[in-house]
Amino acid sequence: MSLLIDDSSPIFVQIAERIENDIIEGLLPEETQVPSTNQFASFYQINPATAAKGVNLLVDQGILYKKRGIGMFVTEGARDKLMEKRRERFFEQYVITMVNEAKKLGITIEQLTEMIRKGGNA
């Protein structure tokens, strides 16, 4: 866990994003147990209810599931689901915004494509 809590978003959202990142990066494979809410609370020095809210957010999304008396586990297919969600968010937040700004500046799709290629080689 390498997340430092900051003020950019609610702490429970940051906890959920940290778990998501660990799943995407393969640090938490499918069917693996995730740290408990008490472990998150202790590590980040936050209220266990706040940590639970972040974990439950992922349960509600079908990313984690509970094994009664044992803990929370990564759902089968969670990584693929998260990758698709992140790709959609990337498209909406970055690609659409970039294309709209390029249009305002008179940059053609061909020029934009070349800029992306250049940026990828940097």
N, C-alpha and C. Protein backbone atom coordinates (compact mmCIF):
# COMPACT_ATOMS: atom_id res chain seq x y z
N MET A 1 0.84 -1.18 0.00
CA MET A 1 0.00 0.00 0.00
C MET A 1 0.88 1.23 0.00
N SER A 2 0.79 1.98 -1.07
CA SER A 2 1.68 3.14 -1.19
C SER A 2 0.94 4.47 -1.25
N LEU A 3 -0.34 4.44 -1.01
CA LEU A 3 -1.14 5.64 -1.10
C LEU A 3 -0.93 6.52 0.13
N LEU A 4 -0.70 7.78 -0.11
CA LEU A 4 -0.71 8.74 0.98
C LEU A 4 -2.03 9.47 0.91
N ILE A 5 -2.74 9.51 2.00
CA ILE A 5 -4.03 10.17 2.03
C ILE A 5 -3.83 11.66 1.75
N ASP A 6 -4.65 12.20 0.84
CA ASP A 6 -4.58 13.63 0.54
C ASP A 6 -5.99 14.22 0.56
N ASP A 7 -6.07 15.50 0.25
CA ASP A 7 -7.34 16.19 0.34
C ASP A 7 -8.09 16.27 -0.99
N SER A 8 -7.58 15.59 -2.03
CA SER A 8 -8.17 15.74 -3.36
C SER A 8 -9.51 15.02 -3.50
N SER A 9 -9.75 14.00 -2.70
CA SER A 9 -11.02 13.29 -2.73
C SER A 9 -11.26 12.68 -1.35
N PRO A 10 -12.51 12.27 -1.08
CA PRO A 10 -12.79 11.68 0.24
C PRO A 10 -11.88 10.48 0.52
N ILE A 11 -11.55 10.30 1.78
CA ILE A 11 -10.63 9.22 2.17
C ILE A 11 -11.17 7.86 1.76
N PHE A 12 -12.48 7.62 1.92
CA PHE A 12 -13.02 6.32 1.57
C PHE A 12 -12.87 6.03 0.07
N VAL A 13 -12.95 7.08 -0.75
CA VAL A 13 -12.75 6.92 -2.20
C VAL A 13 -11.28 6.59 -2.48
N GLN A 14 -10.37 7.22 -1.75
CA GLN A 14 -8.94 6.94 -1.91
C GLN A 14 -8.62 5.49 -1.52
N ILE A 15 -9.27 5.00 -0.49
CA ILE A 15 -9.08 3.60 -0.08
C ILE A 15 -9.55 2.68 -1.21
N ALA A 16 -10.73 2.95 -1.75
CA ALA A 16 -11.27 2.14 -2.85
C ALA A 16 -10.34 2.19 -4.06
N GLU A 17 -9.83 3.37 -4.39
CA GLU A 17 -8.92 3.51 -5.53
C GLU A 17 -7.61 2.77 -5.31
N ARG A 18 -7.11 2.77 -4.07
CA ARG A 18 -5.88 2.04 -3.76
C ARG A 18 -6.09 0.54 -4.00
N ILE A 19 -7.23 0.04 -3.55
CA ILE A 19 -7.53 -1.38 -3.76
C ILE A 19 -7.67 -1.65 -5.27
N GLU A 20 -8.38 -0.77 -5.96
CA GLU A 20 -8.53 -0.92 -7.42
C GLU A 20 -7.16 -0.97 -8.09
N ASN A 21 -6.28 -0.04 -7.74
CA ASN A 21 -4.94 0.01 -8.33
C ASN A 21 -4.18 -1.29 -8.06
N ASP A 22 -4.28 -1.79 -6.84
CA ASP A 22 -3.59 -3.03 -6.50
C ASP A 22 -4.13 -4.22 -7.30
N ILE A 23 -5.42 -4.21 -7.57
CA ILE A 23 -6.02 -5.27 -8.39
C ILE A 23 -5.53 -5.15 -9.83
N ILE A 24 -5.58 -3.94 -10.39
CA ILE A 24 -5.15 -3.71 -11.77
C ILE A 24 -3.67 -4.07 -11.95
N GLU A 25 -2.84 -3.71 -10.97
CA GLU A 25 -1.40 -3.97 -11.06
C GLU A 25 -1.03 -5.42 -10.75
N GLY A 26 -2.03 -6.23 -10.36
CA GLY A 26 -1.76 -7.63 -10.07
C GLY A 26 -1.26 -7.90 -8.66
N LEU A 27 -1.24 -6.89 -7.81
CA LEU A 27 -0.81 -7.07 -6.43
C LEU A 27 -1.87 -7.80 -5.60
N LEU A 28 -3.13 -7.66 -6.03
CA LEU A 28 -4.24 -8.38 -5.40
C LEU A 28 -4.95 -9.19 -6.50
N PRO A 29 -4.47 -10.40 -6.76
CA PRO A 29 -5.10 -11.22 -7.80
C PRO A 29 -6.53 -11.63 -7.41
N GLU A 30 -7.29 -12.06 -8.40
CA GLU A 30 -8.66 -12.51 -8.16
C GLU A 30 -8.66 -13.64 -7.15
N GLU A 31 -9.67 -13.64 -6.31
CA GLU A 31 -9.87 -14.61 -5.23
C GLU A 31 -8.86 -14.46 -4.10
N THR A 32 -8.14 -13.34 -4.06
CA THR A 32 -7.19 -13.06 -2.98
C THR A 32 -7.88 -12.21 -1.92
N GLN A 33 -7.54 -12.45 -0.68
CA GLN A 33 -8.10 -11.66 0.41
C GLN A 33 -7.45 -10.29 0.44
N VAL A 34 -8.28 -9.27 0.65
CA VAL A 34 -7.77 -7.90 0.78
C VAL A 34 -7.57 -7.60 2.27
N PRO A 35 -6.74 -6.60 2.57
CA PRO A 35 -6.57 -6.24 3.98
C PRO A 35 -7.92 -5.89 4.62
N SER A 36 -8.00 -6.11 5.90
CA SER A 36 -9.25 -5.82 6.62
C SER A 36 -9.42 -4.32 6.80
N THR A 37 -10.64 -3.93 7.10
CA THR A 37 -10.89 -2.50 7.35
C THR A 37 -10.07 -2.01 8.54
N ASN A 38 -9.87 -2.88 9.53
CA ASN A 38 -9.05 -2.49 10.68
C ASN A 38 -7.58 -2.30 10.27
N GLN A 39 -7.10 -3.13 9.34
CA GLN A 39 -5.72 -2.96 8.85
C GLN A 39 -5.58 -1.64 8.09
N PHE A 40 -6.57 -1.34 7.23
CA PHE A 40 -6.55 -0.06 6.53
C PHE A 40 -6.58 1.10 7.53
N ALA A 41 -7.47 0.99 8.51
CA ALA A 41 -7.64 2.05 9.50
C ALA A 41 -6.34 2.28 10.27
N SER A 42 -5.70 1.19 10.66
CA SER A 42 -4.45 1.29 11.41
C SER A 42 -3.33 1.87 10.54
N PHE A 43 -3.21 1.38 9.32
CA PHE A 43 -2.15 1.82 8.43
C PHE A 43 -2.26 3.30 8.10
N TYR A 44 -3.48 3.75 7.80
CA TYR A 44 -3.70 5.15 7.40
C TYR A 44 -4.11 6.05 8.55
N GLN A 45 -4.24 5.47 9.74
CA GLN A 45 -4.67 6.20 10.92
C GLN A 45 -5.98 6.94 10.67
N ILE A 46 -6.97 6.14 10.24
CA ILE A 46 -8.31 6.67 9.98
C ILE A 46 -9.32 5.84 10.76
N ASN A 47 -10.54 6.31 10.79
CA ASN A 47 -11.62 5.60 11.45
C ASN A 47 -11.93 4.32 10.67
N PRO A 48 -12.10 3.18 11.35
CA PRO A 48 -12.44 1.93 10.67
C PRO A 48 -13.74 2.04 9.83
N ALA A 49 -14.67 2.87 10.26
CA ALA A 49 -15.90 3.06 9.49
C ALA A 49 -15.62 3.70 8.14
N THR A 50 -14.63 4.58 8.09
CA THR A 50 -14.24 5.22 6.83
C THR A 50 -13.62 4.18 5.90
N ALA A 51 -12.74 3.35 6.46
CA ALA A 51 -12.12 2.28 5.66
C ALA A 51 -13.20 1.32 5.15
N ALA A 52 -14.14 0.99 6.02
CA ALA A 52 -15.23 0.08 5.63
C ALA A 52 -16.06 0.67 4.50
N LYS A 53 -16.27 1.97 4.53
CA LYS A 53 -17.04 2.63 3.48
C LYS A 53 -16.35 2.47 2.12
N GLY A 54 -15.02 2.58 2.09
CA GLY A 54 -14.26 2.39 0.86
C GLY A 54 -14.34 0.96 0.36
N VAL A 55 -14.21 0.01 1.26
CA VAL A 55 -14.30 -1.41 0.90
C VAL A 55 -15.71 -1.73 0.41
N ASN A 56 -16.71 -1.23 1.11
CA ASN A 56 -18.10 -1.51 0.73
C ASN A 56 -18.47 -0.89 -0.62
N LEU A 57 -17.82 0.20 -0.97
CA LEU A 57 -18.02 0.79 -2.29
C LEU A 57 -17.66 -0.23 -3.37
N LEU A 58 -16.57 -0.95 -3.15
CA LEU A 58 -16.14 -1.97 -4.11
C LEU A 58 -17.00 -3.22 -4.06
N VAL A 59 -17.55 -3.52 -2.89
CA VAL A 59 -18.51 -4.63 -2.79
C VAL A 59 -19.75 -4.30 -3.62
N ASP A 60 -20.23 -3.07 -3.48
CA ASP A 60 -21.42 -2.63 -4.22
C ASP A 60 -21.20 -2.68 -5.74
N GLN A 61 -19.95 -2.50 -6.17
CA GLN A 61 -19.62 -2.53 -7.59
C GLN A 61 -19.30 -3.94 -8.10
N GLY A 62 -19.31 -4.91 -7.19
CA GLY A 62 -19.02 -6.28 -7.59
C GLY A 62 -17.54 -6.58 -7.75
N ILE A 63 -16.68 -5.74 -7.19
CA ILE A 63 -15.23 -5.92 -7.29
C ILE A 63 -14.72 -6.80 -6.14
N LEU A 64 -15.34 -6.66 -4.98
CA LEU A 64 -15.00 -7.47 -3.81
C LEU A 64 -16.25 -8.21 -3.34
N TYR A 65 -16.04 -9.32 -2.64
CA TYR A 65 -17.14 -10.02 -2.01
C TYR A 65 -16.70 -10.50 -0.63
N LYS A 66 -17.68 -10.74 0.23
CA LYS A 66 -17.39 -11.11 1.61
C LYS A 66 -17.55 -12.61 1.80
N LYS A 67 -16.56 -13.21 2.46
CA LYS A 67 -16.67 -14.58 2.94
C LYS A 67 -16.94 -14.45 4.43
N ARG A 68 -18.11 -14.85 4.82
CA ARG A 68 -18.54 -14.68 6.20
C ARG A 68 -17.51 -15.25 7.19
N GLY A 69 -17.11 -14.41 8.12
CA GLY A 69 -16.18 -14.81 9.16
C GLY A 69 -14.72 -14.85 8.73
N ILE A 70 -14.46 -14.59 7.45
CA ILE A 70 -13.07 -14.66 6.96
C ILE A 70 -12.57 -13.30 6.53
N GLY A 71 -13.36 -12.61 5.68
CA GLY A 71 -12.95 -11.29 5.21
C GLY A 71 -13.43 -11.02 3.80
N MET A 72 -12.84 -10.01 3.20
CA MET A 72 -13.20 -9.59 1.84
C MET A 72 -12.20 -10.15 0.84
N PHE A 73 -12.72 -10.53 -0.32
CA PHE A 73 -11.90 -11.13 -1.37
C PHE A 73 -12.18 -10.46 -2.70
N VAL A 74 -11.19 -10.53 -3.60
CA VAL A 74 -11.32 -9.99 -4.94
C VAL A 74 -12.18 -10.94 -5.77
N THR A 75 -13.19 -10.39 -6.41
CA THR A 75 -14.11 -11.17 -7.24
C THR A 75 -13.42 -11.63 -8.52
N GLU A 76 -13.80 -12.81 -8.98
CA GLU A 76 -13.31 -13.30 -10.27
C GLU A 76 -13.81 -12.33 -11.36
N GLY A 77 -12.93 -11.92 -12.24
CA GLY A 77 -13.28 -10.97 -13.29
C GLY A 77 -13.16 -9.51 -12.88
N ALA A 78 -12.74 -9.27 -11.63
CA ALA A 78 -12.65 -7.89 -11.12
C ALA A 78 -11.66 -7.05 -11.91
N ARG A 79 -10.51 -7.62 -12.25
CA ARG A 79 -9.49 -6.86 -12.97
C ARG A 79 -10.02 -6.40 -14.32
N ASP A 80 -10.65 -7.30 -15.05
CA ASP A 80 -11.21 -6.93 -16.37
C ASP A 80 -12.27 -5.85 -16.22
N LYS A 81 -13.11 -5.99 -15.21
CA LYS A 81 -14.16 -4.99 -14.97
C LYS A 81 -13.55 -3.63 -14.66
N LEU A 82 -12.51 -3.61 -13.83
CA LEU A 82 -11.85 -2.35 -13.48
C LEU A 82 -11.13 -1.74 -14.67
N MET A 83 -10.49 -2.59 -15.47
CA MET A 83 -9.79 -2.08 -16.66
C MET A 83 -10.78 -1.40 -17.61
N GLU A 84 -11.94 -2.01 -17.80
CA GLU A 84 -12.95 -1.42 -18.68
C GLU A 84 -13.45 -0.09 -18.11
N LYS A 85 -13.71 -0.06 -16.81
CA LYS A 85 -14.15 1.16 -16.14
C LYS A 85 -13.12 2.27 -16.29
N ARG A 86 -11.84 1.94 -16.08
CA ARG A 86 -10.78 2.93 -16.19
C ARG A 86 -10.60 3.42 -17.63
N ARG A 87 -10.75 2.51 -18.60
CA ARG A 87 -10.64 2.92 -20.00
C ARG A 87 -11.74 3.90 -20.37
N GLU A 88 -12.96 3.61 -19.91
CA GLU A 88 -14.08 4.53 -20.17
C GLU A 88 -13.81 5.89 -19.54
N ARG A 89 -13.33 5.89 -18.30
CA ARG A 89 -13.03 7.15 -17.61
C ARG A 89 -11.91 7.90 -18.33
N PHE A 90 -10.89 7.17 -18.79
CA PHE A 90 -9.78 7.78 -19.54
C PHE A 90 -10.31 8.44 -20.81
N PHE A 91 -11.16 7.74 -21.52
CA PHE A 91 -11.74 8.28 -22.75
C PHE A 91 -12.50 9.57 -22.46
N GLU A 92 -13.37 9.53 -21.46
CA GLU A 92 -14.20 10.69 -21.13
C GLU A 92 -13.37 11.86 -20.60
N GLN A 93 -12.43 11.59 -19.70
CA GLN A 93 -11.69 12.66 -19.04
C GLN A 93 -10.57 13.24 -19.90
N TYR A 94 -9.91 12.39 -20.68
CA TYR A 94 -8.73 12.83 -21.39
C TYR A 94 -8.93 12.95 -22.89
N VAL A 95 -9.43 11.90 -23.51
CA VAL A 95 -9.53 11.90 -24.97
C VAL A 95 -10.54 12.93 -25.45
N ILE A 96 -11.74 12.90 -24.91
CA ILE A 96 -12.77 13.85 -25.34
C ILE A 96 -12.30 15.28 -25.06
N THR A 97 -11.76 15.52 -23.89
CA THR A 97 -11.26 16.84 -23.52
C THR A 97 -10.15 17.28 -24.48
N MET A 98 -9.23 16.37 -24.78
CA MET A 98 -8.12 16.70 -25.67
C MET A 98 -8.62 17.00 -27.09
N VAL A 99 -9.53 16.20 -27.60
CA VAL A 99 -10.06 16.42 -28.95
C VAL A 99 -10.81 17.75 -29.02
N ASN A 100 -11.60 18.04 -28.00
CA ASN A 100 -12.33 19.32 -27.99
C ASN A 100 -11.37 20.51 -27.96
N GLU A 101 -10.33 20.42 -27.15
CA GLU A 101 -9.34 21.50 -27.08
C GLU A 101 -8.60 21.62 -28.41
N ALA A 102 -8.26 20.50 -29.02
CA ALA A 102 -7.58 20.52 -30.32
C ALA A 102 -8.45 21.22 -31.37
N LYS A 103 -9.75 20.96 -31.36
CA LYS A 103 -10.66 21.61 -32.31
C LYS A 103 -10.64 23.12 -32.11
N LYS A 104 -10.68 23.55 -30.84
CA LYS A 104 -10.65 24.98 -30.55
C LYS A 104 -9.39 25.63 -31.09
N LEU A 105 -8.28 24.89 -31.05
CA LEU A 105 -6.99 25.42 -31.47
C LEU A 105 -6.71 25.20 -32.96
N GLY A 106 -7.66 24.59 -33.65
CA GLY A 106 -7.48 24.36 -35.08
C GLY A 106 -6.51 23.23 -35.39
N ILE A 107 -6.31 22.34 -34.45
CA ILE A 107 -5.42 21.20 -34.66
C ILE A 107 -6.24 20.08 -35.31
N THR A 108 -5.73 19.57 -36.42
CA THR A 108 -6.44 18.49 -37.11
C THR A 108 -6.21 17.16 -36.39
N ILE A 109 -7.04 16.18 -36.71
CA ILE A 109 -6.88 14.84 -36.12
C ILE A 109 -5.51 14.27 -36.50
N GLU A 110 -5.07 14.52 -37.72
CA GLU A 110 -3.76 14.03 -38.16
C GLU A 110 -2.65 14.66 -37.31
N GLN A 111 -2.73 15.98 -37.09
CA GLN A 111 -1.73 16.66 -36.27
C GLN A 111 -1.77 16.14 -34.83
N LEU A 112 -2.97 15.94 -34.32
CA LEU A 112 -3.13 15.43 -32.96
C LEU A 112 -2.54 14.02 -32.84
N THR A 113 -2.80 13.20 -33.84
CA THR A 113 -2.25 11.84 -33.86
C THR A 113 -0.74 11.88 -33.85
N GLU A 114 -0.15 12.78 -34.62
CA GLU A 114 1.31 12.92 -34.66
C GLU A 114 1.83 13.38 -33.31
N MET A 115 1.14 14.31 -32.66
CA MET A 115 1.55 14.78 -31.34
C MET A 115 1.54 13.62 -30.34
N ILE A 116 0.52 12.78 -30.42
CA ILE A 116 0.42 11.63 -29.51
C ILE A 116 1.58 10.66 -29.76
N ARG A 117 1.87 10.42 -31.03
CA ARG A 117 3.01 9.54 -31.37
C ARG A 117 4.32 10.10 -30.79
N LYS A 118 4.51 11.40 -30.96
CA LYS A 118 5.72 12.06 -30.43
C LYS A 118 5.78 11.89 -28.92
N GLY A 119 4.65 12.16 -28.29
CA GLY A 119 4.58 12.05 -26.82
C GLY A 119 4.85 10.64 -26.34
N GLY A 120 4.42 9.65 -27.11
CA GLY A 120 4.65 8.26 -26.74
C GLY A 120 6.10 7.85 -26.86
N ASN A 121 6.86 8.58 -27.65
CA ASN A 121 8.29 8.27 -27.85
C ASN A 121 9.20 9.08 -26.93
N ALA A 122 8.60 9.99 -26.18
CA ALA A 122 9.41 10.86 -25.31
C ALA A 122 9.95 10.11 -24.12
